[in-house]
Amino acid sequence: MTINLTSGEASRLEQYCSMTGRPATDVIRELIRSLVTSEENLRSE
């Protein structure tokens, strides 16, 4: 999978990874897992 980021987004991700010591893959994976989908909304109702 390829993710296209603006230079600002890439810089922000790099800074975050540098601050936390976490690889970009882990950060992106965590953010994806935090997304709410309509399917998940149905399960919680």
PDB file of N, CA and C in Angstrom:
ATOM      1  N   MET A   1       0.850  -1.161   0.000  1.00  0.00           N
ATOM      2  CA  MET A   1       0.000   0.000   0.000  1.00  0.00           C
ATOM      3  C   MET A   1       0.898   1.227   0.000  1.00  0.00           C
ATOM      4  N   THR A   2       0.480   2.215  -0.730  1.00  0.00           N
ATOM      5  CA  THR A   2       1.202   3.484  -0.788  1.00  0.00           C
ATOM      6  C   THR A   2       0.296   4.588  -0.286  1.00  0.00           C
ATOM      7  N   ILE A   3       0.834   5.437   0.548  1.00  0.00           N
ATOM      8  CA  ILE A   3       0.082   6.578   1.058  1.00  0.00           C
ATOM      9  C   ILE A   3       0.772   7.839   0.563  1.00  0.00           C
ATOM     10  N   ASN A   4       0.026   8.672  -0.139  1.00  0.00           N
ATOM     11  CA  ASN A   4       0.568   9.936  -0.631  1.00  0.00           C
ATOM     12  C   ASN A   4       0.252  11.037   0.375  1.00  0.00           C
ATOM     13  N   LEU A   5       1.302  11.678   0.883  1.00  0.00           N
ATOM     14  CA  LEU A   5       1.156  12.748   1.858  1.00  0.00           C
ATOM     15  C   LEU A   5       1.731  14.038   1.290  1.00  0.00           C
ATOM     16  N   THR A   6       1.165  15.144   1.712  1.00  0.00           N
ATOM     17  CA  THR A   6       1.776  16.419   1.359  1.00  0.00           C
ATOM     18  C   THR A   6       3.098  16.526   2.125  1.00  0.00           C
ATOM     19  N   SER A   7       3.942  17.444   1.722  1.00  0.00           N
ATOM     20  CA  SER A   7       5.218  17.595   2.437  1.00  0.00           C
ATOM     21  C   SER A   7       4.975  17.994   3.887  1.00  0.00           C
ATOM     22  N   GLY A   8       3.945  18.803   4.123  1.00  0.00           N
ATOM     23  CA  GLY A   8       3.609  19.188   5.494  1.00  0.00           C
ATOM     24  C   GLY A   8       3.151  18.017   6.328  1.00  0.00           C
ATOM     25  N   GLU A   9       2.327  17.155   5.740  1.00  0.00           N
ATOM     26  CA  GLU A   9       1.841  15.964   6.450  1.00  0.00           C
ATOM     27  C   GLU A   9       2.988  15.012   6.755  1.00  0.00           C
ATOM     28  N   ALA A  10       3.863  14.823   5.781  1.00  0.00           N
ATOM     29  CA  ALA A  10       5.009  13.929   5.973  1.00  0.00           C
ATOM     30  C   ALA A  10       5.925  14.472   7.065  1.00  0.00           C
ATOM     31  N   SER A  11       6.131  15.782   7.055  1.00  0.00           N
ATOM     32  CA  SER A  11       6.972  16.404   8.069  1.00  0.00           C
ATOM     33  C   SER A  11       6.362  16.245   9.452  1.00  0.00           C
ATOM     34  N   ARG A  12       5.063  16.443   9.524  1.00  0.00           N
ATOM     35  CA  ARG A  12       4.361  16.313  10.814  1.00  0.00           C
ATOM     36  C   ARG A  12       4.456  14.875  11.335  1.00  0.00           C
ATOM     37  N   LEU A  13       4.284  13.907  10.449  1.00  0.00           N
ATOM     38  CA  LEU A  13       4.393  12.499  10.836  1.00  0.00           C
ATOM     39  C   LEU A  13       5.812  12.188  11.299  1.00  0.00           C
ATOM     40  N   GLU A  14       6.799  12.671  10.570  1.00  0.00           N
ATOM     41  CA  GLU A  14       8.196  12.435  10.953  1.00  0.00           C
ATOM     42  C   GLU A  14       8.508  13.041  12.309  1.00  0.00           C
ATOM     43  N   GLN A  15       8.012  14.254  12.555  1.00  0.00           N
ATOM     44  CA  GLN A  15       8.240  14.904  13.845  1.00  0.00           C
ATOM     45  C   GLN A  15       7.594  14.113  14.974  1.00  0.00           C
ATOM     46  N   TYR A  16       6.366  13.646  14.741  1.00  0.00           N
ATOM     47  CA  TYR A  16       5.668  12.866  15.767  1.00  0.00           C
ATOM     48  C   TYR A  16       6.434  11.579  16.055  1.00  0.00           C
ATOM     49  N   CYS A  17       6.870  10.912  15.006  1.00  0.00           N
ATOM     50  CA  CYS A  17       7.606   9.656  15.183  1.00  0.00           C
ATOM     51  C   CYS A  17       8.920   9.890  15.921  1.00  0.00           C
ATOM     52  N   SER A  18       9.576  10.986  15.598  1.00  0.00           N
ATOM     53  CA  SER A  18      10.818  11.329  16.279  1.00  0.00           C
ATOM     54  C   SER A  18      10.581  11.598  17.760  1.00  0.00           C
ATOM     55  N   MET A  19       9.509  12.305  18.068  1.00  0.00           N
ATOM     56  CA  MET A  19       9.181  12.624  19.468  1.00  0.00           C
ATOM     57  C   MET A  19       8.811  11.386  20.266  1.00  0.00           C
ATOM     58  N   THR A  20       8.087  10.464  19.635  1.00  0.00           N
ATOM     59  CA  THR A  20       7.574   9.299  20.363  1.00  0.00           C
ATOM     60  C   THR A  20       8.466   8.066  20.237  1.00  0.00           C
ATOM     61  N   GLY A  21       9.372   8.083  19.249  1.00  0.00           N
ATOM     62  CA  GLY A  21      10.224   6.918  19.023  1.00  0.00           C
ATOM     63  C   GLY A  21       9.496   5.771  18.344  1.00  0.00           C
ATOM     64  N   ARG A  22       8.329   6.059  17.791  1.00  0.00           N
ATOM     65  CA  ARG A  22       7.530   5.014  17.141  1.00  0.00           C
ATOM     66  C   ARG A  22       7.697   5.097  15.630  1.00  0.00           C
ATOM     67  N   PRO A  23       7.678   3.952  14.953  1.00  0.00           N
ATOM     68  CA  PRO A  23       7.752   3.978  13.492  1.00  0.00           C
ATOM     69  C   PRO A  23       6.451   4.487  12.874  1.00  0.00           C
ATOM     70  N   ALA A  24       6.560   5.096  11.705  1.00  0.00           N
ATOM     71  CA  ALA A  24       5.399   5.660  11.017  1.00  0.00           C
ATOM     72  C   ALA A  24       4.317   4.609  10.786  1.00  0.00           C
ATOM     73  N   THR A  25       4.725   3.399  10.462  1.00  0.00           N
ATOM     74  CA  THR A  25       3.753   2.329  10.219  1.00  0.00           C
ATOM     75  C   THR A  25       2.863   2.114  11.433  1.00  0.00           C
ATOM     76  N   ASP A  26       3.449   2.101  12.624  1.00  0.00           N
ATOM     77  CA  ASP A  26       2.663   1.904  13.845  1.00  0.00           C
ATOM     78  C   ASP A  26       1.704   3.057  14.081  1.00  0.00           C
ATOM     79  N   VAL A  27       2.169   4.276  13.843  1.00  0.00           N
ATOM     80  CA  VAL A  27       1.335   5.459  14.054  1.00  0.00           C
ATOM     81  C   VAL A  27       0.149   5.436  13.095  1.00  0.00           C
ATOM     82  N   ILE A  28       0.426   5.164  11.827  1.00  0.00           N
ATOM     83  CA  ILE A  28      -0.640   5.128  10.824  1.00  0.00           C
ATOM     84  C   ILE A  28      -1.627   4.006  11.131  1.00  0.00           C
ATOM     85  N   ARG A  29      -1.125   2.846  11.519  1.00  0.00           N
ATOM     86  CA  ARG A  29      -1.995   1.718  11.855  1.00  0.00           C
ATOM     87  C   ARG A  29      -2.913   2.077  13.021  1.00  0.00           C
ATOM     88  N   GLU A  30      -2.367   2.712  14.050  1.00  0.00           N
ATOM     89  CA  GLU A  30      -3.180   3.103  15.204  1.00  0.00           C
ATOM     90  C   GLU A  30      -4.267   4.101  14.796  1.00  0.00           C
ATOM     91  N   LEU A  31      -3.910   5.051  13.949  1.00  0.00           N
ATOM     92  CA  LEU A  31      -4.900   6.025  13.501  1.00  0.00           C
ATOM     93  C   LEU A  31      -6.010   5.363  12.692  1.00  0.00           C
ATOM     94  N   ILE A  32      -5.653   4.418  11.842  1.00  0.00           N
ATOM     95  CA  ILE A  32      -6.664   3.700  11.052  1.00  0.00           C
ATOM     96  C   ILE A  32      -7.590   2.914  11.973  1.00  0.00           C
ATOM     97  N   ARG A  33      -7.021   2.267  12.969  1.00  0.00           N
ATOM     98  CA  ARG A  33      -7.842   1.482  13.901  1.00  0.00           C
ATOM     99  C   ARG A  33      -8.777   2.357  14.721  1.00  0.00           C
ATOM    100  N   SER A  34      -8.436   3.634  14.885  1.00  0.00           N
ATOM    101  CA  SER A  34      -9.277   4.532  15.680  1.00  0.00           C
ATOM    102  C   SER A  34     -10.446   5.102  14.882  1.00  0.00           C
ATOM    103  N   LEU A  35     -10.462   4.877  13.575  1.00  0.00           N
ATOM    104  CA  LEU A  35     -11.544   5.380  12.743  1.00  0.00           C
ATOM    105  C   LEU A  35     -12.841   4.659  13.068  1.00  0.00           C
ATOM    106  N   VAL A  36     -13.928   5.391  13.089  1.00  0.00           N
ATOM    107  CA  VAL A  36     -15.245   4.820  13.343  1.00  0.00           C
ATOM    108  C   VAL A  36     -15.919   4.589  11.994  1.00  0.00           C
ATOM    109  N   THR A  37     -16.417   3.386  11.789  1.00  0.00           N
ATOM    110  CA  THR A  37     -17.137   3.076  10.563  1.00  0.00           C
ATOM    111  C   THR A  37     -18.603   2.867  10.884  1.00  0.00           C
ATOM    112  N   SER A  38     -19.442   2.959   9.883  1.00  0.00           N
ATOM    113  CA  SER A  38     -20.876   2.773  10.111  1.00  0.00           C
ATOM    114  C   SER A  38     -21.168   1.367  10.622  1.00  0.00           C
ATOM    115  N   GLU A  39     -20.388   0.385  10.193  1.00  0.00           N
ATOM    116  CA  GLU A  39     -20.581  -0.989  10.655  1.00  0.00           C
ATOM    117  C   GLU A  39     -20.358  -1.071  12.166  1.00  0.00           C
ATOM    118  N   GLU A  40     -19.311  -0.385  12.655  1.00  0.00           N
ATOM    119  CA  GLU A  40     -19.042  -0.388  14.088  1.00  0.00           C
ATOM    120  C   GLU A  40     -20.152   0.325  14.849  1.00  0.00           C
ATOM    121  N   ASN A  41     -20.718   1.375  14.260  1.00  0.00           N
ATOM    122  CA  ASN A  41     -21.815   2.101  14.910  1.00  0.00           C
ATOM    123  C   ASN A  41     -23.016   1.185  15.092  1.00  0.00           C
ATOM    124  N   LEU A  42     -23.281   0.331  14.117  1.00  0.00           N
ATOM    125  CA  LEU A  42     -24.411  -0.578  14.217  1.00  0.00           C
ATOM    126  C   LEU A  42     -24.218  -1.575  15.346  1.00  0.00           C
ATOM    127  N   ARG A  43     -22.996  -2.037  15.549  1.00  0.00           N
ATOM    128  CA  ARG A  43     -22.733  -2.998  16.615  1.00  0.00           C
ATOM    129  C   ARG A  43     -22.911  -2.392  17.997  1.00  0.00           C
ATOM    130  N   SER A  44     -22.624  -1.095  18.123  1.00  0.00           N
ATOM    131  CA  SER A  44     -22.698  -0.471  19.447  1.00  0.00           C
ATOM    132  C   SER A  44     -24.100  -0.035  19.824  1.00  0.00           C
ATOM    133  N   GLU A  45     -25.037  -0.054  18.874  1.00  0.00           N
ATOM    134  CA  GLU A  45     -26.406   0.375  19.177  1.00  0.00           C
ATOM    135  C   GLU A  45     -27.248  -0.758  19.713  1.00  0.00           C
TER     136      GLU A  45
END
